Protein backbone atom coordinates (compact mmCIF):
# COMPACT_ATOMS: atom_id res chain seq x y z
CA MET A 1 -141.47 -9.66 127.26
CA GLU A 2 -142.05 -6.41 126.58
CA LYS A 3 -144.94 -4.55 126.49
CA ARG A 4 -146.22 -2.03 123.92
CA LEU A 5 -148.37 0.75 123.57
CA GLY A 6 -151.95 0.14 121.75
CA PHE A 7 -155.28 0.19 121.58
CA VAL A 8 -158.55 -2.08 122.01
CA GLY A 9 -161.89 -1.36 120.22
CA ILE A 10 -165.02 -2.78 122.19
CA ILE A 11 -168.65 -2.12 121.31
CA VAL A 12 -170.98 -3.72 123.66
CA GLU A 13 -175.03 -4.35 122.32
CA ASN A 14 -177.24 -4.93 124.81
CA ARG A 15 -176.12 -1.60 126.96
CA ARG A 16 -177.60 -2.24 130.45
CA GLN A 17 -177.97 -5.98 130.65
CA THR A 18 -173.81 -6.42 129.38
CA ALA A 19 -171.13 -2.78 130.53
CA PRO A 20 -171.62 -4.35 134.15
CA ARG A 21 -169.46 -7.60 133.54
CA VAL A 22 -167.45 -5.10 130.69
CA ASN A 23 -166.74 -2.71 133.88
CA GLU A 24 -166.10 -5.48 136.18
CA MET A 25 -163.53 -6.88 133.86
CA LEU A 26 -162.06 -3.49 132.37
CA THR A 27 -160.97 -2.59 136.92
CA GLN A 28 -159.83 -5.92 136.79
CA PHE A 29 -156.96 -5.38 133.90
CA GLY A 30 -157.33 -1.22 135.18
CA ASP A 31 -153.32 -1.23 135.18
CA LEU A 32 -152.69 -2.60 131.85
CA ILE A 33 -154.99 0.75 130.59
CA VAL A 34 -154.35 3.86 129.65
CA ALA A 35 -156.88 5.91 128.85
CA ARG A 36 -160.58 5.08 128.40
CA THR A 37 -163.04 6.20 125.98
CA GLY A 38 -167.33 5.01 126.19
CA ILE A 39 -169.66 6.64 124.08
CA PRO A 40 -173.26 5.62 124.75
CA TYR A 41 -175.50 5.21 121.79
CA PRO A 42 -178.59 5.14 122.85
CA LYS A 43 -180.54 4.54 119.26
CA ARG A 44 -178.98 0.73 119.14
CA ALA A 45 -179.00 0.24 122.72
CA CYS A 46 -175.14 -0.27 122.17
CA CYS A 47 -172.29 1.41 123.32
CA VAL A 48 -168.73 2.13 121.90
CA ILE A 49 -165.72 2.11 124.39
CA THR A 50 -162.12 2.96 123.44
CA LEU A 51 -158.98 1.75 125.33
CA VAL A 52 -155.36 2.24 125.09
CA VAL A 53 -153.33 -0.10 126.35
CA ASP A 54 -149.76 -0.72 127.74
CA ALA A 55 -149.42 -4.34 127.45
CA THR A 56 -147.77 -7.23 126.59
CA THR A 57 -149.19 -9.05 123.26
CA ASP A 58 -150.05 -11.95 126.56
CA GLU A 59 -152.02 -9.38 128.66
CA LEU A 60 -154.09 -7.91 125.56
CA GLY A 61 -154.50 -11.12 124.61
CA ARG A 62 -156.28 -12.76 128.28
CA LEU A 63 -157.86 -8.98 128.40
CA THR A 64 -159.47 -9.38 124.53
CA GLY A 65 -159.75 -13.13 125.22
CA ARG A 66 -162.33 -12.37 128.51
CA LEU A 67 -163.75 -9.65 126.18
CA GLY A 68 -164.87 -11.61 124.14
CA GLN A 69 -165.91 -14.58 125.48
CA LEU A 70 -168.48 -11.79 126.97
CA GLU A 71 -171.98 -12.64 125.03
CA GLY A 72 -172.56 -9.39 122.77
CA VAL A 73 -169.49 -8.05 123.63
CA SER A 74 -167.25 -7.43 120.15
CA VAL A 75 -163.42 -6.96 120.51
CA LYS A 76 -161.26 -5.64 117.78
CA SER A 77 -157.61 -4.80 118.88
CA ALA A 78 -153.93 -3.81 118.01
CA LEU A 79 -150.27 -2.86 119.41
CA SER A 80 -147.14 -1.28 117.76
CA LYS A 81 -144.78 -2.39 116.16
CA ALA A 82 -142.25 -0.95 118.71
CA GLY A 83 -141.67 -1.66 122.66
CA SER A 84 -141.65 0.60 125.21
CA ASN A 85 -138.23 2.70 125.50
CA ARG A 86 -138.30 2.79 129.34
CA SER A 87 -134.54 1.37 131.16
């Protein structure tokens, strides 16, 4: 299966309790992550994480599926239509 460029948007509620589990999971899938931005939003006790990924649909599905199983975590993702241009 061909890898494609994409993004993952993650909202982590109850940040202090949930963020360590999210970070542990992102470390496990670190080979897929090209870039990561995390923005805390203390007013709502949450944070927003944006990932740029280079992954197959199966790999992205495993990552987002496992994240989505965590209580207080919302996840949305998309992959580009075209595959990589690597030989």
